Amino acid sequence: MDTSLLLISALLYFFLPLWGIAGFVDWCCHRATKIEHTSGIKETLMHSVMGIQMGLPIVLCLVFDVNALILLICTITWVLHEIVAHMDVRYASPIREISIWEMHAHTYLGSLPLYMLTSIILINWDHFLKLITLDFAGEITFKLLDSPYGTASYLPAYLTFMAIVCIFPYMEENIRCLYVYFKGRKN
């Protein structure tokens, strides 16, 4: 089997689901420490920003042919995600307990995007070379994939999985934090 196909399979069926599971574990830790009464709305909004920062390049890579533009977006969002992750922990650690489980979840949430980005770069090495040499001819486009990765049902199944383990839980966290924030402002 081609190494690129092995890397794509690892991304689809191991790294992407594991990233979602790590996000769910992180959410469980936030819930256990009652984030809405400790670090509150500021921290939960950082979590939402980080989810969007990683969700955008994941969806782009699953829907479009990867080229220099997609690699540039992936790299920029990864760097921004790391900055916000640092700000998040720096803000939260003096305010609330960060358990060993949450630290482990953060390890996965921080390292998996780098592993995924590295794999995507390796799979698309020719486009990466065009990016770093600024050879953008034909590289700054959004071209839909001719055939989806995995199976035709992979993308809807993955998005459903992520909605269940990450999007809905973090929306619930945002609502909890907003409720406590606005309740406190009334008093």
N, C-alpha and C. Protein backbone atom coordinates (compact mmCIF):
# COMPACT_ATOMS: atom_id res chain seq x y z
N MET A 1 0.84 -1.19 0.00
CA MET A 1 0.00 0.00 0.00
C MET A 1 0.89 1.25 0.00
N ASP A 2 0.46 2.25 -0.71
CA ASP A 2 1.16 3.53 -0.83
C ASP A 2 1.22 4.20 0.56
N THR A 3 2.38 4.78 0.89
CA THR A 3 2.56 5.44 2.19
C THR A 3 1.57 6.58 2.37
N SER A 4 1.28 7.33 1.31
CA SER A 4 0.31 8.42 1.42
C SER A 4 -1.07 7.89 1.82
N LEU A 5 -1.47 6.76 1.25
CA LEU A 5 -2.77 6.18 1.60
C LEU A 5 -2.78 5.70 3.05
N LEU A 6 -1.65 5.17 3.52
CA LEU A 6 -1.56 4.77 4.93
C LEU A 6 -1.68 5.99 5.85
N LEU A 7 -1.00 7.08 5.49
CA LEU A 7 -1.10 8.30 6.28
C LEU A 7 -2.51 8.87 6.27
N ILE A 8 -3.16 8.85 5.12
CA ILE A 8 -4.54 9.34 5.02
C ILE A 8 -5.45 8.49 5.89
N SER A 9 -5.28 7.18 5.85
CA SER A 9 -6.10 6.29 6.70
C SER A 9 -5.84 6.55 8.18
N ALA A 10 -4.58 6.76 8.54
CA ALA A 10 -4.26 7.07 9.94
C ALA A 10 -4.92 8.38 10.36
N LEU A 11 -4.89 9.38 9.48
CA LEU A 11 -5.54 10.65 9.79
C LEU A 11 -7.05 10.47 9.98
N LEU A 12 -7.68 9.79 9.03
CA LEU A 12 -9.13 9.65 9.04
C LEU A 12 -9.64 8.81 10.21
N TYR A 13 -8.98 7.69 10.44
CA TYR A 13 -9.56 6.70 11.36
C TYR A 13 -8.85 6.61 12.71
N PHE A 14 -7.77 7.37 12.91
CA PHE A 14 -7.09 7.36 14.20
C PHE A 14 -6.93 8.77 14.75
N PHE A 15 -6.16 9.62 14.05
CA PHE A 15 -5.85 10.95 14.59
C PHE A 15 -7.09 11.84 14.75
N LEU A 16 -7.93 11.92 13.72
CA LEU A 16 -9.10 12.79 13.81
C LEU A 16 -10.07 12.34 14.91
N PRO A 17 -10.44 11.05 14.99
CA PRO A 17 -11.31 10.64 16.10
C PRO A 17 -10.65 10.81 17.47
N LEU A 18 -9.36 10.53 17.56
CA LEU A 18 -8.66 10.67 18.84
C LEU A 18 -8.67 12.13 19.30
N TRP A 19 -8.52 13.06 18.37
CA TRP A 19 -8.57 14.48 18.70
C TRP A 19 -9.95 14.83 19.28
N GLY A 20 -11.01 14.30 18.68
CA GLY A 20 -12.36 14.53 19.20
C GLY A 20 -12.55 13.93 20.59
N ILE A 21 -12.04 12.74 20.81
CA ILE A 21 -12.15 12.09 22.12
C ILE A 21 -11.40 12.90 23.17
N ALA A 22 -10.21 13.38 22.82
CA ALA A 22 -9.44 14.21 23.75
C ALA A 22 -10.20 15.49 24.09
N GLY A 23 -10.87 16.07 23.10
CA GLY A 23 -11.68 17.25 23.35
C GLY A 23 -12.83 16.96 24.30
N PHE A 24 -13.44 15.78 24.16
CA PHE A 24 -14.53 15.39 25.06
C PHE A 24 -14.02 15.19 26.49
N VAL A 25 -12.86 14.55 26.62
CA VAL A 25 -12.27 14.36 27.95
C VAL A 25 -11.98 15.73 28.58
N ASP A 26 -11.46 16.65 27.79
CA ASP A 26 -11.18 18.01 28.28
C ASP A 26 -12.46 18.67 28.76
N TRP A 27 -13.53 18.54 27.99
CA TRP A 27 -14.82 19.11 28.38
C TRP A 27 -15.31 18.50 29.69
N CYS A 28 -15.17 17.19 29.84
CA CYS A 28 -15.56 16.51 31.09
C CYS A 28 -14.79 17.09 32.27
N CYS A 29 -13.52 17.37 32.08
CA CYS A 29 -12.71 17.97 33.15
C CYS A 29 -13.18 19.38 33.48
N HIS A 30 -13.53 20.15 32.46
CA HIS A 30 -14.05 21.50 32.69
C HIS A 30 -15.34 21.43 33.49
N ARG A 31 -16.18 20.49 33.13
CA ARG A 31 -17.47 20.33 33.82
C ARG A 31 -17.24 19.93 35.28
N ALA A 32 -16.28 19.02 35.50
CA ALA A 32 -16.00 18.54 36.87
C ALA A 32 -15.47 19.67 37.76
N THR A 33 -14.73 20.60 37.17
CA THR A 33 -14.17 21.70 37.98
C THR A 33 -15.10 22.92 38.00
N LYS A 34 -16.31 22.74 37.44
CA LYS A 34 -17.30 23.82 37.43
C LYS A 34 -16.73 25.12 36.85
N ILE A 35 -16.27 25.00 35.63
CA ILE A 35 -15.64 26.12 34.93
C ILE A 35 -16.50 27.38 34.96
N GLU A 36 -17.82 27.18 34.95
CA GLU A 36 -18.72 28.35 34.92
C GLU A 36 -18.60 29.20 36.18
N HIS A 37 -18.12 28.61 37.28
CA HIS A 37 -17.98 29.35 38.54
C HIS A 37 -16.53 29.75 38.83
N THR A 38 -15.60 29.33 37.98
CA THR A 38 -14.19 29.64 38.22
C THR A 38 -13.67 30.56 37.13
N SER A 39 -13.13 29.99 36.07
CA SER A 39 -12.54 30.81 35.00
C SER A 39 -13.58 31.34 34.03
N GLY A 40 -14.74 30.71 33.97
CA GLY A 40 -15.91 31.25 33.29
C GLY A 40 -15.84 31.52 31.81
N ILE A 41 -16.54 32.58 31.44
CA ILE A 41 -16.81 32.88 30.03
C ILE A 41 -15.55 33.12 29.23
N LYS A 42 -14.56 33.76 29.83
CA LYS A 42 -13.33 34.05 29.08
C LYS A 42 -12.65 32.75 28.65
N GLU A 43 -12.56 31.77 29.56
CA GLU A 43 -11.90 30.52 29.18
C GLU A 43 -12.73 29.72 28.19
N THR A 44 -14.04 29.65 28.40
CA THR A 44 -14.85 28.86 27.48
C THR A 44 -14.84 29.44 26.07
N LEU A 45 -14.76 30.76 25.97
CA LEU A 45 -14.67 31.37 24.63
C LEU A 45 -13.34 31.03 23.97
N MET A 46 -12.27 30.94 24.76
CA MET A 46 -10.99 30.50 24.19
C MET A 46 -11.10 29.07 23.67
N HIS A 47 -11.83 28.21 24.38
CA HIS A 47 -12.02 26.84 23.92
C HIS A 47 -12.76 26.82 22.59
N SER A 48 -13.77 27.65 22.48
CA SER A 48 -14.52 27.72 21.22
C SER A 48 -13.64 28.22 20.08
N VAL A 49 -12.84 29.23 20.35
CA VAL A 49 -11.92 29.76 19.33
C VAL A 49 -10.96 28.65 18.87
N MET A 50 -10.41 27.90 19.83
CA MET A 50 -9.47 26.84 19.47
C MET A 50 -10.15 25.75 18.65
N GLY A 51 -11.40 25.43 18.98
CA GLY A 51 -12.13 24.43 18.20
C GLY A 51 -12.33 24.89 16.76
N ILE A 52 -12.67 26.15 16.59
CA ILE A 52 -12.84 26.72 15.25
C ILE A 52 -11.49 26.74 14.52
N GLN A 53 -10.43 27.11 15.24
CA GLN A 53 -9.10 27.16 14.62
C GLN A 53 -8.67 25.80 14.07
N MET A 54 -9.06 24.73 14.71
CA MET A 54 -8.69 23.40 14.21
C MET A 54 -9.76 22.83 13.30
N GLY A 55 -11.01 23.17 13.55
CA GLY A 55 -12.10 22.64 12.73
C GLY A 55 -12.03 23.13 11.29
N LEU A 56 -11.68 24.40 11.11
CA LEU A 56 -11.61 24.98 9.77
C LEU A 56 -10.62 24.22 8.87
N PRO A 57 -9.36 24.04 9.27
CA PRO A 57 -8.46 23.32 8.37
C PRO A 57 -8.83 21.85 8.18
N ILE A 58 -9.42 21.24 9.21
CA ILE A 58 -9.84 19.84 9.05
C ILE A 58 -10.89 19.74 7.96
N VAL A 59 -11.90 20.60 8.02
CA VAL A 59 -12.95 20.55 7.01
C VAL A 59 -12.39 20.90 5.63
N LEU A 60 -11.52 21.91 5.56
CA LEU A 60 -10.92 22.26 4.26
C LEU A 60 -10.19 21.07 3.65
N CYS A 61 -9.43 20.36 4.48
CA CYS A 61 -8.66 19.21 3.96
C CYS A 61 -9.54 18.03 3.59
N LEU A 62 -10.71 17.93 4.19
CA LEU A 62 -11.63 16.83 3.87
C LEU A 62 -12.52 17.14 2.67
N VAL A 63 -12.63 18.41 2.29
CA VAL A 63 -13.54 18.81 1.22
C VAL A 63 -12.81 19.24 -0.04
N PHE A 64 -11.63 19.85 0.11
CA PHE A 64 -10.92 20.41 -1.04
C PHE A 64 -9.60 19.69 -1.29
N ASP A 65 -9.13 19.77 -2.56
CA ASP A 65 -7.78 19.31 -2.87
C ASP A 65 -6.81 20.19 -2.10
N VAL A 66 -5.86 19.55 -1.44
CA VAL A 66 -4.87 20.32 -0.68
C VAL A 66 -3.86 20.91 -1.65
N ASN A 67 -3.64 22.22 -1.51
CA ASN A 67 -2.66 22.94 -2.31
C ASN A 67 -1.94 23.92 -1.39
N ALA A 68 -1.17 24.82 -1.94
CA ALA A 68 -0.41 25.77 -1.12
C ALA A 68 -1.32 26.63 -0.26
N LEU A 69 -2.46 27.05 -0.80
CA LEU A 69 -3.40 27.87 -0.04
C LEU A 69 -3.92 27.11 1.18
N ILE A 70 -4.36 25.88 0.98
CA ILE A 70 -4.88 25.08 2.09
C ILE A 70 -3.77 24.84 3.12
N LEU A 71 -2.56 24.54 2.65
CA LEU A 71 -1.44 24.33 3.59
C LEU A 71 -1.12 25.61 4.36
N LEU A 72 -1.20 26.74 3.71
CA LEU A 72 -0.97 28.02 4.39
C LEU A 72 -2.03 28.25 5.47
N ILE A 73 -3.29 28.01 5.13
CA ILE A 73 -4.37 28.16 6.11
C ILE A 73 -4.17 27.21 7.28
N CYS A 74 -3.81 25.95 6.98
CA CYS A 74 -3.56 24.96 8.03
C CYS A 74 -2.43 25.40 8.96
N THR A 75 -1.37 25.91 8.38
CA THR A 75 -0.21 26.33 9.18
C THR A 75 -0.55 27.54 10.04
N ILE A 76 -1.21 28.52 9.46
CA ILE A 76 -1.56 29.73 10.21
C ILE A 76 -2.52 29.39 11.35
N THR A 77 -3.53 28.58 11.06
CA THR A 77 -4.49 28.24 12.13
C THR A 77 -3.83 27.41 13.22
N TRP A 78 -2.88 26.56 12.85
CA TRP A 78 -2.15 25.78 13.87
C TRP A 78 -1.35 26.72 14.78
N VAL A 79 -0.64 27.67 14.19
CA VAL A 79 0.15 28.62 14.99
C VAL A 79 -0.78 29.42 15.91
N LEU A 80 -1.88 29.92 15.37
CA LEU A 80 -2.82 30.69 16.19
C LEU A 80 -3.43 29.82 17.29
N HIS A 81 -3.72 28.56 16.98
CA HIS A 81 -4.24 27.63 17.98
C HIS A 81 -3.25 27.47 19.14
N GLU A 82 -1.98 27.36 18.82
CA GLU A 82 -0.96 27.21 19.87
C GLU A 82 -0.88 28.46 20.74
N ILE A 83 -1.02 29.62 20.14
CA ILE A 83 -1.00 30.87 20.90
C ILE A 83 -2.19 30.93 21.85
N VAL A 84 -3.38 30.62 21.34
CA VAL A 84 -4.57 30.65 22.19
C VAL A 84 -4.50 29.56 23.26
N ALA A 85 -3.97 28.40 22.94
CA ALA A 85 -3.83 27.32 23.93
C ALA A 85 -2.94 27.78 25.08
N HIS A 86 -1.86 28.46 24.75
CA HIS A 86 -0.97 28.99 25.79
C HIS A 86 -1.70 30.02 26.65
N MET A 87 -2.44 30.91 26.00
CA MET A 87 -3.19 31.94 26.74
C MET A 87 -4.24 31.28 27.64
N ASP A 88 -4.88 30.24 27.14
CA ASP A 88 -5.92 29.52 27.89
C ASP A 88 -5.36 28.95 29.19
N VAL A 89 -4.28 28.19 29.09
CA VAL A 89 -3.72 27.55 30.29
C VAL A 89 -3.14 28.61 31.23
N ARG A 90 -2.51 29.61 30.67
CA ARG A 90 -1.95 30.68 31.51
C ARG A 90 -3.06 31.40 32.28
N TYR A 91 -4.20 31.61 31.64
CA TYR A 91 -5.32 32.27 32.29
C TYR A 91 -5.97 31.35 33.34
N ALA A 92 -6.21 30.09 32.98
CA ALA A 92 -7.00 29.20 33.83
C ALA A 92 -6.23 28.62 35.02
N SER A 93 -4.96 28.34 34.85
CA SER A 93 -4.23 27.60 35.90
C SER A 93 -4.21 28.28 37.27
N PRO A 94 -4.13 29.60 37.37
CA PRO A 94 -4.19 30.18 38.72
C PRO A 94 -5.61 30.26 39.29
N ILE A 95 -6.63 30.06 38.42
CA ILE A 95 -8.01 30.28 38.84
C ILE A 95 -8.72 28.98 39.23
N ARG A 96 -8.41 27.90 38.53
CA ARG A 96 -9.10 26.64 38.81
C ARG A 96 -8.11 25.48 38.73
N GLU A 97 -8.51 24.36 39.32
CA GLU A 97 -7.67 23.17 39.28
C GLU A 97 -7.64 22.61 37.86
N ILE A 98 -6.46 22.26 37.41
CA ILE A 98 -6.31 21.54 36.14
C ILE A 98 -5.79 20.16 36.52
N SER A 99 -6.69 19.18 36.43
CA SER A 99 -6.39 17.82 36.90
C SER A 99 -5.38 17.13 35.98
N ILE A 100 -4.88 16.01 36.46
CA ILE A 100 -3.96 15.20 35.64
C ILE A 100 -4.65 14.72 34.37
N TRP A 101 -5.96 14.41 34.46
CA TRP A 101 -6.71 14.00 33.26
C TRP A 101 -6.78 15.13 32.24
N GLU A 102 -7.00 16.34 32.75
CA GLU A 102 -7.06 17.48 31.84
C GLU A 102 -5.70 17.76 31.22
N MET A 103 -4.64 17.60 32.00
CA MET A 103 -3.29 17.78 31.45
C MET A 103 -3.02 16.77 30.34
N HIS A 104 -3.45 15.52 30.55
CA HIS A 104 -3.28 14.51 29.51
C HIS A 104 -4.10 14.86 28.27
N ALA A 105 -5.33 15.32 28.48
CA ALA A 105 -6.16 15.73 27.34
C ALA A 105 -5.48 16.86 26.57
N HIS A 106 -4.90 17.82 27.31
CA HIS A 106 -4.20 18.93 26.66
C HIS A 106 -3.00 18.44 25.86
N THR A 107 -2.33 17.40 26.36
CA THR A 107 -1.20 16.84 25.62
C THR A 107 -1.66 16.38 24.24
N TYR A 108 -2.77 15.67 24.19
CA TYR A 108 -3.30 15.19 22.91
C TYR A 108 -3.84 16.35 22.06
N LEU A 109 -4.56 17.26 22.70
CA LEU A 109 -5.14 18.38 21.96
C LEU A 109 -4.07 19.29 21.37
N GLY A 110 -2.90 19.33 21.99
CA GLY A 110 -1.81 20.15 21.47
C GLY A 110 -0.93 19.42 20.46
N SER A 111 -0.72 18.12 20.68
CA SER A 111 0.21 17.39 19.81
C SER A 111 -0.47 16.82 18.56
N LEU A 112 -1.70 16.37 18.67
CA LEU A 112 -2.36 15.78 17.50
C LEU A 112 -2.48 16.75 16.33
N PRO A 113 -2.83 18.02 16.54
CA PRO A 113 -2.86 18.93 15.38
C PRO A 113 -1.49 19.06 14.69
N LEU A 114 -0.41 19.03 15.46
CA LEU A 114 0.92 19.09 14.85
C LEU A 114 1.20 17.81 14.05
N TYR A 115 0.84 16.66 14.60
CA TYR A 115 1.03 15.40 13.87
C TYR A 115 0.20 15.39 12.60
N MET A 116 -1.05 15.88 12.70
CA MET A 116 -1.91 15.90 11.52
C MET A 116 -1.37 16.87 10.47
N LEU A 117 -0.92 18.05 10.89
CA LEU A 117 -0.36 19.02 9.95
C LEU A 117 0.88 18.44 9.28
N THR A 118 1.74 17.81 10.05
CA THR A 118 2.95 17.20 9.49
C THR A 118 2.59 16.12 8.48
N SER A 119 1.61 15.29 8.79
CA SER A 119 1.18 14.24 7.86
C SER A 119 0.62 14.84 6.58
N ILE A 120 -0.18 15.89 6.71
CA ILE A 120 -0.76 16.54 5.53
C ILE A 120 0.34 17.15 4.66
N ILE A 121 1.34 17.74 5.30
CA ILE A 121 2.47 18.29 4.54
C ILE A 121 3.20 17.18 3.81
N LEU A 122 3.45 16.06 4.48
CA LEU A 122 4.17 14.95 3.84
C LEU A 122 3.39 14.37 2.67
N ILE A 123 2.09 14.23 2.85
CA ILE A 123 1.23 13.70 1.78
C ILE A 123 1.23 14.64 0.58
N ASN A 124 1.32 15.92 0.85
CA ASN A 124 1.23 16.95 -0.20
C ASN A 124 2.55 17.70 -0.35
N TRP A 125 3.64 16.95 -0.36
CA TRP A 125 4.98 17.54 -0.34
C TRP A 125 5.21 18.50 -1.51
N ASP A 126 4.75 18.16 -2.70
CA ASP A 126 4.94 19.04 -3.86
C ASP A 126 4.28 20.41 -3.64
N HIS A 127 3.08 20.38 -3.06
CA HIS A 127 2.39 21.65 -2.78
C HIS A 127 3.08 22.42 -1.66
N PHE A 128 3.63 21.70 -0.69
CA PHE A 128 4.37 22.35 0.38
C PHE A 128 5.61 23.06 -0.18
N LEU A 129 6.31 22.40 -1.10
CA LEU A 129 7.47 23.04 -1.72
C LEU A 129 7.07 24.30 -2.47
N LYS A 130 5.92 24.25 -3.14
CA LYS A 130 5.43 25.45 -3.83
C LYS A 130 5.10 26.56 -2.83
N LEU A 131 4.57 26.17 -1.67
CA LEU A 131 4.26 27.17 -0.64
C LEU A 131 5.53 27.84 -0.13
N ILE A 132 6.53 27.07 0.23
CA ILE A 132 7.72 27.67 0.83
C ILE A 132 8.62 28.36 -0.19
N THR A 133 8.45 28.03 -1.48
CA THR A 133 9.21 28.74 -2.52
C THR A 133 8.38 29.87 -3.14
N LEU A 134 7.19 30.08 -2.59
CA LEU A 134 6.27 31.14 -3.06
C LEU A 134 5.90 30.98 -4.53
N ASP A 135 5.84 29.74 -5.00
CA ASP A 135 5.43 29.43 -6.36
C ASP A 135 3.92 29.16 -6.33
N PHE A 136 3.13 30.24 -6.38
CA PHE A 136 1.69 30.12 -6.15
C PHE A 136 0.87 29.91 -7.43
N ALA A 137 1.50 29.74 -8.58
CA ALA A 137 0.76 29.57 -9.83
C ALA A 137 -0.16 28.34 -9.72
N GLY A 138 -1.45 28.58 -9.81
CA GLY A 138 -2.43 27.51 -9.73
C GLY A 138 -2.63 26.93 -8.33
N GLU A 139 -2.01 27.53 -7.35
CA GLU A 139 -2.04 27.00 -5.98
C GLU A 139 -2.98 27.74 -5.04
N ILE A 140 -3.54 28.83 -5.47
CA ILE A 140 -4.38 29.65 -4.60
C ILE A 140 -5.84 29.50 -5.04
N THR A 141 -6.34 28.29 -4.91
CA THR A 141 -7.71 27.99 -5.31
C THR A 141 -8.35 27.04 -4.30
N PHE A 142 -9.67 26.99 -4.36
CA PHE A 142 -10.43 25.98 -3.62
C PHE A 142 -11.07 25.07 -4.65
N LYS A 143 -10.51 23.88 -4.82
CA LYS A 143 -11.04 22.91 -5.78
C LYS A 143 -11.59 21.73 -5.00
N LEU A 144 -12.89 21.47 -5.18
CA LEU A 144 -13.51 20.36 -4.48
C LEU A 144 -12.82 19.05 -4.86
N LEU A 145 -12.74 18.13 -3.90
CA LEU A 145 -12.16 16.81 -4.18
C LEU A 145 -12.99 16.09 -5.22
N ASP A 146 -12.33 15.36 -6.10
CA ASP A 146 -13.05 14.56 -7.09
C ASP A 146 -13.77 13.40 -6.41
N SER A 147 -13.12 12.77 -5.44
CA SER A 147 -13.75 11.71 -4.67
C SER A 147 -13.36 11.90 -3.20
N PRO A 148 -14.31 11.67 -2.31
CA PRO A 148 -14.04 11.94 -0.89
C PRO A 148 -13.03 10.96 -0.30
N TYR A 149 -12.37 11.41 0.76
CA TYR A 149 -11.47 10.53 1.48
C TYR A 149 -12.30 9.50 2.24
N GLY A 150 -11.71 8.34 2.46
CA GLY A 150 -12.44 7.28 3.15
C GLY A 150 -13.54 6.79 2.24
N THR A 151 -14.74 6.81 2.74
CA THR A 151 -15.91 6.42 1.95
C THR A 151 -16.77 7.65 1.72
N ALA A 152 -17.80 7.50 0.92
CA ALA A 152 -18.70 8.63 0.67
C ALA A 152 -19.40 9.08 1.95
N SER A 153 -19.53 8.18 2.91
CA SER A 153 -20.21 8.53 4.16
C SER A 153 -19.25 8.99 5.26
N TYR A 154 -17.94 9.02 4.97
CA TYR A 154 -16.98 9.37 6.03
C TYR A 154 -17.21 10.79 6.57
N LEU A 155 -17.28 11.78 5.69
CA LEU A 155 -17.41 13.17 6.14
C LEU A 155 -18.67 13.39 6.97
N PRO A 156 -19.85 12.95 6.52
CA PRO A 156 -21.04 13.13 7.38
C PRO A 156 -20.91 12.37 8.71
N ALA A 157 -20.32 11.18 8.68
CA ALA A 157 -20.15 10.41 9.91
C ALA A 157 -19.18 11.11 10.85
N TYR A 158 -18.07 11.62 10.32
CA TYR A 158 -17.09 12.32 11.16
C TYR A 158 -17.68 13.60 11.74
N LEU A 159 -18.37 14.37 10.93
CA LEU A 159 -18.97 15.61 11.42
C LEU A 159 -20.03 15.33 12.49
N THR A 160 -20.79 14.26 12.32
CA THR A 160 -21.76 13.86 13.35
C THR A 160 -21.06 13.47 14.63
N PHE A 161 -20.00 12.68 14.51
CA PHE A 161 -19.20 12.27 15.67
C PHE A 161 -18.67 13.50 16.40
N MET A 162 -18.10 14.46 15.66
CA MET A 162 -17.54 15.66 16.28
C MET A 162 -18.63 16.53 16.90
N ALA A 163 -19.81 16.57 16.29
CA ALA A 163 -20.92 17.32 16.89
C ALA A 163 -21.28 16.73 18.25
N ILE A 164 -21.30 15.39 18.33
CA ILE A 164 -21.69 14.72 19.57
C ILE A 164 -20.62 14.87 20.64
N VAL A 165 -19.34 14.68 20.29
CA VAL A 165 -18.29 14.66 21.33
C VAL A 165 -17.65 16.02 21.58
N CYS A 166 -17.81 16.98 20.68
CA CYS A 166 -17.14 18.27 20.88
C CYS A 166 -18.07 19.47 20.72
N ILE A 167 -18.74 19.59 19.61
CA ILE A 167 -19.50 20.80 19.34
C ILE A 167 -20.62 20.99 20.36
N PHE A 168 -21.48 19.98 20.54
CA PHE A 168 -22.58 20.11 21.49
C PHE A 168 -22.08 20.27 22.93
N PRO A 169 -21.09 19.48 23.39
CA PRO A 169 -20.59 19.69 24.75
C PRO A 169 -20.03 21.10 24.97
N TYR A 170 -19.25 21.61 24.01
CA TYR A 170 -18.68 22.94 24.20
C TYR A 170 -19.73 24.04 24.07
N MET A 171 -20.77 23.81 23.27
CA MET A 171 -21.89 24.75 23.24
C MET A 171 -22.57 24.78 24.60
N GLU A 172 -22.73 23.59 25.20
CA GLU A 172 -23.33 23.49 26.53
C GLU A 172 -22.46 24.23 27.55
N GLU A 173 -21.14 24.08 27.43
CA GLU A 173 -20.22 24.79 28.33
C GLU A 173 -20.37 26.30 28.15
N ASN A 174 -20.45 26.76 26.92
CA ASN A 174 -20.65 28.20 26.66
C ASN A 174 -21.94 28.69 27.30
N ILE A 175 -23.00 27.92 27.15
CA ILE A 175 -24.30 28.32 27.71
C ILE A 175 -24.23 28.38 29.23
N ARG A 176 -23.62 27.37 29.85
CA ARG A 176 -23.46 27.37 31.31
C ARG A 176 -22.70 28.60 31.78
N CYS A 177 -21.59 28.88 31.10
CA CYS A 177 -20.76 30.02 31.49
C CYS A 177 -21.48 31.34 31.26
N LEU A 178 -22.18 31.46 30.15
CA LEU A 178 -22.95 32.68 29.88
C LEU A 178 -24.04 32.88 30.92
N TYR A 179 -24.73 31.81 31.28
CA TYR A 179 -25.79 31.89 32.27
C TYR A 179 -25.25 32.41 33.60
N VAL A 180 -24.15 31.83 34.07
CA VAL A 180 -23.57 32.26 35.34
C VAL A 180 -23.05 33.69 35.23
N TYR A 181 -22.45 34.02 34.10
CA TYR A 181 -21.92 35.38 33.89
C TYR A 181 -23.04 36.42 33.97
N PHE A 182 -24.13 36.19 33.23
CA PHE A 182 -25.21 37.17 33.22
C PHE A 182 -26.00 37.16 34.53
N LYS A 183 -26.09 36.01 35.16
CA LYS A 183 -26.76 35.93 36.47
C LYS A 183 -25.97 36.75 37.48
N GLY A 184 -24.64 36.67 37.44
CA GLY A 184 -23.79 37.44 38.33
C GLY A 184 -23.85 38.93 38.08
N ARG A 185 -24.05 39.32 36.84
CA ARG A 185 -24.12 40.76 36.51
C ARG A 185 -25.42 41.37 37.01
N LYS A 186 -26.48 40.54 37.12
CA LYS A 186 -27.75 41.06 37.61
C LYS A 186 -27.68 41.36 39.10
N ASN A 187 -26.88 40.60 39.81
CA ASN A 187 -26.81 40.75 41.28
C ASN A 187 -25.92 41.86 41.70
